[in-house]
């Protein structure tokens, strides 16, 4: 039996089909929220060992997210 794709799984495929480098997210796009979003997407990849994400806003300003 083939399970239907979740809405989360459809989004990257949809964006790729548009040949777009941008997509919408259901949250306010602060650096902190984007860092958390990236972390949560990558932590489920079994080929990666991730402990934190550092997102640079400017050459001297960044935020870091970890669990």
N, C-alpha and C. Protein backbone atom coordinates (compact mmCIF):
# COMPACT_ATOMS: atom_id res chain seq x y z
N UNK A 1 0.84 -1.18 0.00
CA UNK A 1 0.00 0.00 0.00
C UNK A 1 0.88 1.25 0.00
N UNK A 2 0.61 2.16 -0.87
CA UNK A 2 1.37 3.40 -0.96
C UNK A 2 0.66 4.45 -0.11
N UNK A 3 1.41 5.05 0.80
CA UNK A 3 0.84 6.08 1.66
C UNK A 3 0.87 7.42 0.93
N UNK A 4 -0.17 8.23 1.11
CA UNK A 4 -0.14 9.57 0.49
C UNK A 4 0.92 10.44 1.14
N UNK A 5 1.49 11.34 0.37
CA UNK A 5 2.51 12.26 0.89
C UNK A 5 1.88 13.27 1.84
N UNK A 6 2.61 13.61 2.88
CA UNK A 6 2.14 14.65 3.78
C UNK A 6 2.30 16.00 3.08
N UNK A 7 1.61 16.99 3.58
CA UNK A 7 1.72 18.33 3.01
C UNK A 7 3.15 18.86 3.12
N UNK A 8 3.85 18.54 4.24
CA UNK A 8 5.24 18.97 4.40
C UNK A 8 6.12 18.38 3.32
N UNK A 9 5.89 17.12 2.98
CA UNK A 9 6.72 16.46 1.98
C UNK A 9 6.44 16.99 0.58
N UNK A 10 5.22 17.47 0.34
CA UNK A 10 4.86 17.98 -0.98
C UNK A 10 5.50 19.32 -1.29
N UNK A 11 5.73 20.14 -0.28
CA UNK A 11 6.22 21.50 -0.50
C UNK A 11 7.54 21.56 -1.26
N UNK A 12 8.59 20.82 -0.81
CA UNK A 12 9.85 20.90 -1.57
C UNK A 12 9.71 20.40 -3.01
N UNK A 13 8.91 19.37 -3.22
CA UNK A 13 8.71 18.87 -4.58
C UNK A 13 7.98 19.89 -5.44
N UNK A 14 7.01 20.54 -4.85
CA UNK A 14 6.28 21.58 -5.57
C UNK A 14 7.21 22.73 -5.95
N UNK A 15 8.03 23.17 -5.00
CA UNK A 15 8.97 24.27 -5.28
C UNK A 15 9.97 23.88 -6.36
N UNK A 16 10.43 22.64 -6.29
CA UNK A 16 11.38 22.17 -7.31
C UNK A 16 10.73 22.16 -8.68
N UNK A 17 9.46 21.79 -8.73
CA UNK A 17 8.76 21.74 -10.02
C UNK A 17 8.60 23.14 -10.61
N UNK A 18 8.57 24.15 -9.76
CA UNK A 18 8.47 25.54 -10.24
C UNK A 18 9.82 26.10 -10.64
N UNK A 19 10.88 25.35 -10.35
CA UNK A 19 12.24 25.81 -10.58
C UNK A 19 12.47 27.13 -9.84
N UNK A 20 12.00 27.16 -8.59
CA UNK A 20 12.07 28.37 -7.77
C UNK A 20 13.00 28.17 -6.59
N UNK A 21 13.66 29.22 -6.20
CA UNK A 21 14.52 29.18 -5.02
C UNK A 21 13.82 29.74 -3.80
N UNK A 22 12.57 30.10 -3.92
CA UNK A 22 11.81 30.66 -2.80
C UNK A 22 10.54 29.85 -2.58
N UNK A 23 10.07 29.87 -1.34
CA UNK A 23 8.77 29.28 -1.03
C UNK A 23 8.25 29.90 0.26
N UNK A 24 6.95 29.80 0.45
CA UNK A 24 6.31 30.39 1.63
C UNK A 24 6.41 29.47 2.83
N UNK A 25 6.40 30.06 4.00
CA UNK A 25 6.41 29.31 5.25
C UNK A 25 5.30 29.85 6.15
N UNK A 26 4.79 29.01 7.03
CA UNK A 26 3.66 29.44 7.87
C UNK A 26 4.09 30.12 9.17
N UNK A 27 5.15 30.92 9.12
CA UNK A 27 5.61 31.61 10.31
C UNK A 27 6.28 32.92 9.89
N UNK A 28 6.47 33.79 10.86
CA UNK A 28 7.16 35.06 10.60
C UNK A 28 8.63 34.76 10.30
N UNK A 29 9.16 35.34 9.26
CA UNK A 29 10.49 34.97 8.78
C UNK A 29 11.61 35.76 9.47
N UNK A 30 11.75 35.54 10.76
CA UNK A 30 12.89 36.08 11.48
C UNK A 30 14.06 35.11 11.31
N UNK A 31 15.25 35.57 11.57
CA UNK A 31 16.42 34.68 11.46
C UNK A 31 16.28 33.50 12.41
N UNK A 32 15.75 33.76 13.60
CA UNK A 32 15.59 32.69 14.59
C UNK A 32 14.62 31.61 14.11
N UNK A 33 13.50 32.05 13.55
CA UNK A 33 12.50 31.09 13.06
C UNK A 33 13.03 30.31 11.85
N UNK A 34 13.76 30.97 10.98
CA UNK A 34 14.33 30.29 9.81
C UNK A 34 15.39 29.28 10.26
N UNK A 35 16.21 29.64 11.23
CA UNK A 35 17.21 28.70 11.75
C UNK A 35 16.53 27.47 12.36
N UNK A 36 15.46 27.68 13.12
CA UNK A 36 14.72 26.55 13.71
C UNK A 36 14.10 25.69 12.62
N UNK A 37 13.53 26.31 11.60
CA UNK A 37 12.93 25.59 10.48
C UNK A 37 13.96 24.71 9.78
N UNK A 38 15.14 25.26 9.48
CA UNK A 38 16.21 24.50 8.82
C UNK A 38 16.66 23.35 9.71
N UNK A 39 16.87 23.63 10.98
CA UNK A 39 17.30 22.59 11.93
C UNK A 39 16.30 21.43 11.94
N UNK A 40 15.02 21.77 12.06
CA UNK A 40 13.99 20.72 12.13
C UNK A 40 13.87 19.92 10.85
N UNK A 41 14.15 20.54 9.72
CA UNK A 41 14.13 19.81 8.45
C UNK A 41 15.32 18.86 8.34
N UNK A 42 16.48 19.28 8.81
CA UNK A 42 17.70 18.49 8.67
C UNK A 42 17.85 17.41 9.73
N UNK A 43 17.27 17.59 10.91
CA UNK A 43 17.49 16.63 12.00
C UNK A 43 16.90 15.26 11.71
N UNK A 44 15.99 15.17 10.76
CA UNK A 44 15.37 13.89 10.44
C UNK A 44 16.12 13.13 9.34
N UNK A 45 17.15 13.74 8.79
CA UNK A 45 17.96 13.09 7.76
C UNK A 45 18.95 12.15 8.45
N UNK A 46 18.81 10.87 8.21
CA UNK A 46 19.64 9.88 8.88
C UNK A 46 21.11 9.94 8.46
N UNK A 47 21.39 10.60 7.36
CA UNK A 47 22.77 10.70 6.90
C UNK A 47 23.50 11.88 7.53
N UNK A 48 22.79 12.71 8.28
CA UNK A 48 23.39 13.87 8.91
C UNK A 48 23.40 13.72 10.42
N UNK A 49 24.43 14.24 11.03
CA UNK A 49 24.50 14.34 12.49
C UNK A 49 24.53 15.82 12.80
N UNK A 50 23.40 16.36 13.20
CA UNK A 50 23.29 17.81 13.37
C UNK A 50 23.05 18.14 14.84
N UNK A 51 23.77 19.12 15.34
CA UNK A 51 23.57 19.53 16.73
C UNK A 51 23.13 20.99 16.83
N UNK A 52 23.43 21.80 15.81
CA UNK A 52 23.00 23.19 15.82
C UNK A 52 23.05 23.77 14.41
N UNK A 53 22.37 24.89 14.26
CA UNK A 53 22.37 25.65 13.01
C UNK A 53 22.79 27.08 13.34
N UNK A 54 23.72 27.61 12.61
CA UNK A 54 24.10 29.02 12.75
C UNK A 54 23.73 29.71 11.44
N UNK A 55 22.90 30.72 11.55
CA UNK A 55 22.42 31.46 10.39
C UNK A 55 22.93 32.90 10.50
N UNK A 56 23.74 33.26 9.53
CA UNK A 56 24.33 34.61 9.51
C UNK A 56 23.38 35.57 8.82
N UNK A 57 23.09 36.68 9.50
CA UNK A 57 22.24 37.74 8.94
C UNK A 57 23.08 38.78 8.21
N UNK A 58 24.23 39.10 8.80
CA UNK A 58 25.17 40.06 8.24
C UNK A 58 26.57 39.50 8.49
N UNK A 59 27.62 40.14 8.01
CA UNK A 59 28.97 39.64 8.30
C UNK A 59 29.32 39.60 9.80
N UNK A 60 28.58 40.33 10.63
CA UNK A 60 28.90 40.35 12.06
C UNK A 60 27.75 39.91 12.96
N UNK A 61 26.62 39.50 12.39
CA UNK A 61 25.44 39.18 13.20
C UNK A 61 24.88 37.81 12.79
N UNK A 62 24.64 36.95 13.78
CA UNK A 62 24.08 35.63 13.50
C UNK A 62 23.17 35.19 14.63
N UNK A 63 22.38 34.16 14.36
CA UNK A 63 21.63 33.50 15.42
C UNK A 63 21.97 32.02 15.32
N UNK A 64 21.82 31.33 16.42
CA UNK A 64 22.13 29.91 16.46
C UNK A 64 20.98 29.16 17.12
N UNK A 65 20.58 28.04 16.54
CA UNK A 65 19.51 27.23 17.09
C UNK A 65 20.05 25.83 17.37
N UNK A 66 19.70 25.32 18.54
CA UNK A 66 20.06 23.94 18.90
C UNK A 66 19.02 23.39 19.86
N UNK A 67 18.96 22.08 19.95
CA UNK A 67 18.03 21.42 20.88
C UNK A 67 18.81 20.64 21.90
